[in-house]
């Protein structure tokens, strides 16, 4: 079935070189510098509304290291989705993502501590309409997660969800949902069963929008004779507000019982899952942010996130607090300056004895030479101080130049 594209699709080619004097963020005294060269393709396409709809966006690049500090690799930050609905009662959906993730959270985020994760989900939805205001949906979805290195975390899952939704008013809708996930870790032969029941709502009021859900979840893990159970209240509450055309803000609180091969980190900014830890994890997260368009040339954005990960089988806890302030300013019609500063604190264990503080900052320029050609350059610095004996103090300085060309 043919798909019509909504807006002219964009396809870019790009290349950049980044030099770091501490490419793998090693402890002071053991630094090793290297040039990282990246060549890739960017794509952004969205189809027109219709029987079948698709969207794809992101970058894929080949990365090489001039001094062989790391192996050459393919890096990606790509998302795709699509669905076909031949009639009002049946829909088939598919979505997927490929991106680089941090392998272990107890080592700095560097090329040596990243790997590629591929995620695919697809399945049918069956829809019924008992009344003009009510909708019943049954979703059956197969999900597959694969890791480049951490193959013990490769998983397959079948997720079945039944949902009742009602439009109470023009601006308020809500309902109830029951879900069961059967999860199998391919290499370790661990099997998990996750069940949940919750109520949910969405409410639009003026320039603000509320959304949330509240329920209870059960997660059972079986690996040979070992059985572990986790259960508790789960849910989320979010609010976003827009003031005119220039100011926006949001806040979201979330508590989830899940596993490390899930895609929950895509929905929670500031969350890194430890792939070397046990599979079951309880996540509590708070995210707030605001953006201000001061003039037609100047904009600032602030984001703050706090997350806690409890790996209940091993008794390990990880807490993170991170914040970032970003500024962009159009210096001329073709030249834009940008800068950002960020801070992160990580604590491992209940006592907080293992604590790491990281500060980073960067400055950059983007020059649009023609409608299709953009040149960019940036410099940055990152430093970490650690209280525990096993963690590392490090400093990194880096500089990057690049070019991006739009083919269509």
Protein backbone atom coordinates (compact mmCIF):
# COMPACT_ATOMS: atom_id res chain seq x y z
CA UNK A 1 0.00 0.00 0.00
CA UNK A 2 1.46 3.36 -1.05
CA UNK A 3 2.40 5.93 1.57
CA UNK A 4 2.21 9.68 0.89
CA UNK A 5 4.76 11.87 2.65
CA UNK A 6 3.33 14.81 4.60
CA UNK A 7 6.21 17.26 4.27
CA UNK A 8 9.21 17.11 1.99
CA UNK A 9 11.40 14.40 3.54
CA UNK A 10 14.91 15.47 4.49
CA UNK A 11 18.02 13.38 3.97
CA UNK A 12 21.36 14.75 5.21
CA UNK A 13 24.95 13.62 4.98
CA UNK A 14 27.32 14.76 7.68
CA UNK A 15 30.89 14.44 8.87
CA UNK A 16 32.63 15.63 12.01
CA UNK A 17 35.91 15.24 13.84
CA UNK A 18 36.21 15.45 17.61
CA UNK A 19 39.50 15.55 19.52
CA UNK A 20 39.52 14.67 23.21
CA UNK A 21 42.57 14.77 25.47
CA UNK A 22 40.96 11.99 27.58
CA UNK A 23 38.81 10.02 25.16
CA UNK A 24 37.80 7.28 27.65
CA UNK A 25 37.66 9.57 30.72
CA UNK A 26 40.43 7.77 32.55
CA UNK A 27 41.73 8.75 35.97
CA UNK A 28 44.12 11.68 36.19
CA UNK A 29 47.60 10.61 35.14
CA UNK A 30 46.36 7.89 32.75
CA UNK A 31 44.74 10.11 30.11
CA UNK A 32 44.90 9.14 26.45
CA UNK A 33 43.95 11.53 23.67
CA UNK A 34 42.46 10.59 20.31
CA UNK A 35 40.63 11.92 17.25
CA UNK A 36 37.14 10.53 16.72
CA UNK A 37 35.97 10.75 13.09
CA UNK A 38 32.30 10.31 12.28
CA UNK A 39 30.62 10.08 8.84
CA UNK A 40 26.93 9.42 8.55
CA UNK A 41 23.44 9.87 7.18
CA UNK A 42 20.48 11.68 8.74
CA UNK A 43 16.85 11.14 7.79
CA UNK A 44 13.53 12.70 8.79
CA UNK A 45 10.31 11.55 7.10
CA UNK A 46 6.65 11.64 8.15
CA UNK A 47 3.74 10.41 6.06
CA UNK A 48 0.38 12.05 5.44
CA UNK A 49 -2.57 10.82 7.54
CA UNK A 50 -4.19 7.85 5.85
CA UNK A 51 -4.81 4.12 6.06
CA UNK A 52 -1.08 3.59 6.62
CA UNK A 53 1.12 6.10 8.43
CA UNK A 54 4.88 6.00 8.96
CA UNK A 55 7.58 8.15 10.52
CA UNK A 56 11.35 7.81 10.74
CA UNK A 57 13.97 10.16 12.12
CA UNK A 58 17.54 10.16 13.37
CA UNK A 59 21.18 9.63 12.44
CA UNK A 60 23.34 6.62 11.59
CA UNK A 61 27.12 7.02 11.44
CA UNK A 62 30.35 5.09 11.02
CA UNK A 63 32.82 6.03 13.75
CA UNK A 64 36.57 5.50 13.65
CA UNK A 65 39.37 6.36 16.09
CA UNK A 66 42.60 7.66 14.57
CA UNK A 67 44.89 6.32 17.32
CA UNK A 68 42.96 3.04 17.84
CA UNK A 69 41.97 3.78 21.44
CA UNK A 70 38.60 2.15 20.64
CA UNK A 71 37.33 -0.16 17.92
CA UNK A 72 35.64 1.24 14.82
CA UNK A 73 31.86 0.96 15.10
CA UNK A 74 28.47 1.90 13.73
CA UNK A 75 26.63 4.40 15.94
CA UNK A 76 22.95 5.21 15.71
CA UNK A 77 20.25 7.38 17.21
CA UNK A 78 17.25 6.37 15.13
CA UNK A 79 13.51 5.98 15.75
CA UNK A 80 10.83 4.61 13.42
CA UNK A 81 7.12 3.89 13.76
CA UNK A 82 4.19 2.97 11.58
CA UNK A 83 0.67 1.61 11.60
CA UNK A 84 -1.96 0.45 9.19
CA UNK A 85 -5.69 0.56 10.00
CA UNK A 86 -7.74 -0.95 7.15
CA UNK A 87 -10.98 -0.46 9.13
CA UNK A 88 -12.07 1.08 12.42
CA UNK A 89 -11.87 -2.24 14.31
CA UNK A 90 -8.36 -3.49 13.44
CA UNK A 91 -4.95 -1.80 13.49
CA UNK A 92 -1.44 -3.18 13.10
CA UNK A 93 1.41 -1.14 14.58
CA UNK A 94 5.19 -1.36 14.56
CA UNK A 95 7.90 0.75 16.17
CA UNK A 96 11.59 0.47 16.68
CA UNK A 97 14.71 2.27 17.80
CA UNK A 98 18.47 1.92 17.56
CA UNK A 99 20.70 3.95 19.87
CA UNK A 100 23.87 3.85 21.92
CA UNK A 101 23.41 3.19 25.65
CA UNK A 102 25.71 3.17 28.66
CA UNK A 103 26.80 -0.37 29.61
CA UNK A 104 27.57 0.09 33.30
CA UNK A 105 26.54 3.13 35.30
CA UNK A 106 29.51 2.84 37.66
CA UNK A 107 31.97 3.85 34.93
CA UNK A 108 31.93 7.27 33.15
CA UNK A 109 29.93 7.58 29.94
CA UNK A 110 32.63 7.24 27.26
CA UNK A 111 33.10 5.34 23.96
CA UNK A 112 34.59 2.41 25.89
CA UNK A 113 31.43 2.19 28.03
CA UNK A 114 28.76 2.43 25.33
CA UNK A 115 27.10 -0.16 23.16
CA UNK A 116 24.34 -0.32 20.58
CA UNK A 117 20.83 -1.39 21.60
CA UNK A 118 18.17 -2.38 19.05
CA UNK A 119 14.50 -2.49 19.94
CA UNK A 120 11.54 -3.68 17.85
CA UNK A 121 7.85 -3.97 18.76
CA UNK A 122 4.96 -5.01 16.54
CA UNK A 123 1.48 -6.43 16.83
CA UNK A 124 -2.27 -5.99 16.26
CA UNK A 125 -4.92 -3.99 18.09
CA UNK A 126 -8.58 -4.96 18.11
CA UNK A 127 -10.99 -2.08 18.77
CA UNK A 128 -14.67 -1.99 19.69
CA UNK A 129 -17.01 0.94 20.34
CA UNK A 130 -19.78 0.04 22.83
CA UNK A 131 -21.08 3.60 22.67
CA UNK A 132 -20.26 6.96 21.15
CA UNK A 133 -18.11 7.83 24.19
CA UNK A 134 -16.56 4.46 25.04
CA UNK A 135 -13.73 2.49 23.40
CA UNK A 136 -12.51 -1.03 24.18
CA UNK A 137 -9.06 -2.03 22.92
CA UNK A 138 -7.09 -5.29 23.05
CA UNK A 139 -3.39 -4.93 22.15
CA UNK A 140 -1.08 -7.89 21.54
CA UNK A 141 2.53 -6.87 20.99
CA UNK A 142 5.76 -8.79 20.49
CA UNK A 143 8.88 -6.90 21.66
CA UNK A 144 12.50 -7.75 20.96
CA UNK A 145 15.59 -6.15 22.53
CA UNK A 146 19.15 -6.89 21.42
CA UNK A 147 22.44 -5.51 22.77
CA UNK A 148 25.75 -5.25 20.94
CA UNK A 149 27.84 -6.52 23.88
CA UNK A 150 25.58 -7.31 26.87
CA UNK A 151 23.95 -10.31 25.20
CA UNK A 152 22.88 -11.68 28.60
CA UNK A 153 20.28 -8.88 28.57
CA UNK A 154 18.85 -9.82 25.14
CA UNK A 155 15.14 -10.46 25.63
CA UNK A 156 11.88 -11.34 23.91
CA UNK A 157 8.52 -10.43 25.39
CA UNK A 158 4.84 -10.76 24.62
CA UNK A 159 2.71 -7.94 26.03
CA UNK A 160 -1.09 -8.24 26.18
CA UNK A 161 -3.10 -5.18 27.24
CA UNK A 162 -6.85 -4.70 27.60
CA UNK A 163 -8.09 -1.13 27.89
CA UNK A 164 -11.39 0.69 28.42
CA UNK A 165 -11.40 4.41 27.66
CA UNK A 166 -14.21 6.94 27.98
CA UNK A 167 -14.53 10.53 26.81
CA UNK A 168 -16.12 12.16 29.88
CA UNK A 169 -16.06 15.73 28.51
CA UNK A 170 -14.52 17.45 25.52
CA UNK A 171 -11.31 18.00 27.55
CA UNK A 172 -11.29 14.98 29.89
CA UNK A 173 -10.87 11.32 29.10
CA UNK A 174 -9.82 8.35 31.20
CA UNK A 175 -10.23 4.67 31.76
CA UNK A 176 -8.86 1.39 33.10
CA UNK A 177 -6.17 -0.96 31.81
CA UNK A 178 -4.99 -4.51 32.58
CA UNK A 179 -1.67 -5.76 31.22
CA UNK A 180 0.52 -8.86 31.32
CA UNK A 181 4.07 -9.20 29.96
CA UNK A 182 5.83 -12.55 29.54
CA UNK A 183 9.56 -11.87 29.25
CA UNK A 184 12.35 -14.29 28.42
CA UNK A 185 16.08 -13.51 28.65
CA UNK A 186 17.58 -15.57 25.86
CA UNK A 187 21.07 -16.28 27.21
CA UNK A 188 20.43 -16.63 30.94
CA UNK A 189 17.09 -18.45 30.53
CA UNK A 190 15.57 -16.15 33.11
CA UNK A 191 11.81 -15.72 32.77
CA UNK A 192 9.86 -12.78 34.11
CA UNK A 193 6.13 -12.19 34.34
CA UNK A 194 4.86 -8.66 34.86
CA UNK A 195 1.21 -7.91 35.62
CA UNK A 196 -0.34 -4.50 36.16
CA UNK A 197 -3.73 -2.88 36.71
CA UNK A 198 -4.21 0.87 36.59
CA UNK A 199 -6.53 3.75 35.94
CA UNK A 200 -5.47 6.61 33.67
CA UNK A 201 -6.65 10.06 32.60
CA UNK A 202 -5.84 13.02 30.37
CA UNK A 203 -7.22 16.50 31.04
CA UNK A 204 -6.75 19.66 28.98
CA UNK A 205 -7.52 22.92 30.76
CA UNK A 206 -6.74 26.21 29.08
CA UNK A 207 -3.05 26.30 28.19
CA UNK A 208 -2.24 23.47 30.59
CA UNK A 209 -2.50 19.71 30.22
CA UNK A 210 -2.60 17.00 32.91
CA UNK A 211 -2.00 13.30 32.36
CA UNK A 212 -1.49 10.43 34.72
CA UNK A 213 -2.10 6.89 35.80
CA UNK A 214 -2.20 5.04 39.12
CA UNK A 215 -2.20 1.32 39.75
CA UNK A 216 -0.43 -1.72 41.09
CA UNK A 217 2.22 -3.91 39.47
CA UNK A 218 3.62 -7.39 40.16
CA UNK A 219 6.91 -8.69 38.73
CA UNK A 220 8.02 -12.29 39.24
CA UNK A 221 11.45 -13.53 38.14
CA UNK A 222 12.36 -17.22 37.76
CA UNK A 223 15.83 -18.53 36.95
CA UNK A 224 16.22 -22.21 37.72
CA UNK A 225 15.28 -22.74 41.38
CA UNK A 226 15.59 -19.02 42.20
CA UNK A 227 12.37 -17.00 42.40
CA UNK A 228 12.18 -13.27 43.19
CA UNK A 229 9.05 -11.15 43.52
CA UNK A 230 8.59 -7.38 43.37
CA UNK A 231 5.29 -5.58 43.73
CA UNK A 232 3.95 -2.18 44.66
CA UNK A 233 2.11 0.96 43.63
CA UNK A 234 3.09 2.33 40.24
CA UNK A 235 2.00 5.28 38.17
CA UNK A 236 2.83 8.69 36.84
CA UNK A 237 1.57 12.26 36.98
CA UNK A 238 2.53 14.92 34.48
CA UNK A 239 1.66 18.55 33.81
CA UNK A 240 2.70 20.87 30.98
CA UNK A 241 1.84 24.53 30.43
CA UNK A 242 2.31 27.01 27.60
CA UNK A 243 2.29 30.77 28.18
CA UNK A 244 1.77 32.49 24.86
CA UNK A 245 4.32 31.68 22.18
CA UNK A 246 7.47 32.12 24.24
CA UNK A 247 7.31 30.28 27.58
CA UNK A 248 6.66 26.64 28.42
CA UNK A 249 7.19 24.36 31.42
CA UNK A 250 6.57 20.76 32.40
CA UNK A 251 6.84 18.43 35.38
CA UNK A 252 6.49 14.65 35.59
CA UNK A 253 6.71 12.10 38.41
CA UNK A 254 6.88 8.39 37.65
CA UNK A 255 7.29 5.08 39.50
CA UNK A 256 7.73 1.85 37.51
CA UNK A 257 8.50 -1.80 38.19
CA UNK A 258 10.29 -3.11 35.11
CA UNK A 259 13.49 -4.79 33.87
CA UNK A 260 16.78 -3.58 32.39
CA UNK A 261 16.01 -4.67 28.81
CA UNK A 262 12.84 -2.56 28.62
CA UNK A 263 12.70 0.78 26.83
CA UNK A 264 11.65 2.72 29.94
CA UNK A 265 14.81 4.87 29.76
CA UNK A 266 13.53 6.38 26.50
CA UNK A 267 10.58 7.86 28.40
CA UNK A 268 12.52 9.12 31.45
CA UNK A 269 15.18 11.79 30.79
CA UNK A 270 18.31 11.37 32.89
CA UNK A 271 17.81 7.63 33.47
CA UNK A 272 20.59 5.12 32.75
CA UNK A 273 19.97 1.44 33.42
CA UNK A 274 22.90 -0.67 34.64
CA UNK A 275 23.18 -3.57 32.19
CA UNK A 276 25.57 -5.40 34.52
CA UNK A 277 22.97 -5.52 37.30
CA UNK A 278 20.10 -7.93 37.99
CA UNK A 279 17.20 -7.76 35.55
CA UNK A 280 14.29 -6.58 37.75
CA UNK A 281 14.39 -2.91 38.79
CA UNK A 282 12.09 -0.42 40.51
CA UNK A 283 12.45 3.11 39.12
CA UNK A 284 11.32 6.36 40.72
CA UNK A 285 11.85 9.55 38.73
CA UNK A 286 11.03 13.25 38.81
CA UNK A 287 11.63 15.49 35.80
CA UNK A 288 10.97 19.23 35.48
CA UNK A 289 11.90 21.71 32.80
CA UNK A 290 11.17 25.11 31.33
CA UNK A 291 11.90 26.96 28.10
CA UNK A 292 11.86 30.69 27.40
CA UNK A 293 11.98 32.38 23.99
CA UNK A 294 13.21 35.81 25.11
CA UNK A 295 13.29 37.35 21.64
CA UNK A 296 13.21 36.11 18.07
CA UNK A 297 16.97 35.51 18.44
CA UNK A 298 17.48 34.24 22.00
CA UNK A 299 16.21 31.14 23.81
CA UNK A 300 17.04 29.37 27.08
CA UNK A 301 16.07 25.89 28.30
CA UNK A 302 16.41 24.41 31.79
CA UNK A 303 15.95 20.75 32.73
CA UNK A 304 16.31 18.96 36.06
CA UNK A 305 15.92 15.22 36.69
CA UNK A 306 16.18 13.02 39.76
CA UNK A 307 16.04 9.22 39.45
CA UNK A 308 16.38 6.26 41.79
CA UNK A 309 16.93 2.68 40.59
CA UNK A 310 16.42 -0.20 43.05
CA UNK A 311 17.74 -3.55 41.82
CA UNK A 312 15.84 -5.54 44.39
CA UNK A 313 17.33 -9.00 43.79
CA UNK A 314 20.88 -7.75 44.49
CA UNK A 315 19.88 -5.01 46.94
CA UNK A 316 21.75 -2.37 44.91
CA UNK A 317 20.46 1.22 44.69
CA UNK A 318 21.54 4.03 42.37
CA UNK A 319 20.52 7.69 42.74
CA UNK A 320 21.10 10.41 40.17
CA UNK A 321 20.45 14.13 40.18
CA UNK A 322 21.23 16.03 36.98
CA UNK A 323 20.54 19.49 35.59
CA UNK A 324 21.34 21.41 32.43
CA UNK A 325 20.95 25.02 31.33
CA UNK A 326 21.21 25.71 27.59
CA UNK A 327 21.29 29.04 25.71
CA UNK A 328 21.11 29.76 21.99
CA UNK A 329 21.41 33.18 20.35
CA UNK A 330 21.27 34.12 16.68
CA UNK A 331 24.27 36.41 16.14
CA UNK A 332 23.51 37.07 12.46
CA UNK A 333 20.86 35.67 10.08
CA UNK A 334 23.25 32.81 9.26
CA UNK A 335 25.30 32.43 12.46
CA UNK A 336 23.98 31.03 15.76
CA UNK A 337 25.88 30.72 19.02
CA UNK A 338 25.01 28.15 21.66
CA UNK A 339 26.22 27.12 25.06
CA UNK A 340 25.28 24.86 27.95
CA UNK A 341 26.37 23.95 31.47
CA UNK A 342 25.40 20.81 33.34
CA UNK A 343 25.84 19.14 36.69
CA UNK A 344 25.24 15.53 37.77
CA UNK A 345 25.55 13.72 41.10
CA UNK A 346 25.51 9.92 41.27
CA UNK A 347 25.29 7.91 44.49
CA UNK A 348 25.61 4.13 44.71
CA UNK A 349 24.36 2.24 47.77
CA UNK A 350 22.07 3.26 50.60
CA UNK A 351 24.83 4.91 52.67
CA UNK A 352 25.84 7.33 49.90
CA UNK A 353 29.54 6.63 50.55
CA UNK A 354 30.14 6.08 46.81
CA UNK A 355 29.39 9.52 45.37
CA UNK A 356 30.51 11.13 42.09
CA UNK A 357 29.99 14.76 41.04
CA UNK A 358 30.33 15.71 37.37
CA UNK A 359 30.38 19.23 35.89
CA UNK A 360 30.39 19.89 32.16
CA UNK A 361 30.14 22.89 29.86
CA UNK A 362 30.38 23.66 26.17
CA UNK A 363 30.25 26.51 23.64
CA UNK A 364 29.51 26.24 19.93
CA UNK A 365 28.72 27.99 16.66
CA UNK A 366 26.46 26.94 13.78
CA UNK A 367 26.97 28.68 10.43
CA UNK A 368 24.41 28.17 7.68
CA UNK A 369 26.47 28.78 4.57
CA UNK A 370 23.61 28.06 2.14
CA UNK A 371 20.09 26.69 2.49
CA UNK A 372 21.49 23.15 2.42
CA UNK A 373 24.99 23.51 3.89
CA UNK A 374 25.70 24.03 7.62
CA UNK A 375 29.11 24.22 9.31
CA UNK A 376 29.53 23.80 13.08
CA UNK A 377 32.24 23.99 15.70
CA UNK A 378 32.25 23.51 19.48
CA UNK A 379 34.54 23.16 22.48
CA UNK A 380 33.85 21.67 25.88
CA UNK A 381 35.17 20.57 29.25
CA UNK A 382 34.06 17.89 31.72
CA UNK A 383 35.37 17.07 35.17
CA UNK A 384 34.41 14.45 37.76
CA UNK A 385 35.30 14.23 41.42
CA UNK A 386 34.63 11.06 43.40
CA UNK A 387 34.56 10.31 47.12
CA UNK A 388 34.95 6.53 46.96
CA UNK A 389 38.25 4.72 46.46
CA UNK A 390 37.01 2.63 43.53
CA UNK A 391 35.76 5.59 41.46
CA UNK A 392 37.94 7.85 39.32
CA UNK A 393 38.60 11.58 39.26
CA UNK A 394 39.10 12.80 35.70
CA UNK A 395 39.19 15.86 33.45
CA UNK A 396 38.40 16.00 29.74
CA UNK A 397 38.84 18.82 27.23
CA UNK A 398 37.51 18.43 23.73
CA UNK A 399 37.00 20.30 20.46
CA UNK A 400 34.84 19.37 17.48
CA UNK A 401 34.26 20.63 13.94
CA UNK A 402 31.68 19.33 11.47
CA UNK A 403 29.68 19.82 8.31
CA UNK A 404 26.13 18.80 7.38
CA UNK A 405 24.59 18.89 3.89
CA UNK A 406 20.93 18.45 3.05
CA UNK A 407 20.48 16.32 -0.06
CA UNK A 408 16.76 17.03 -0.39
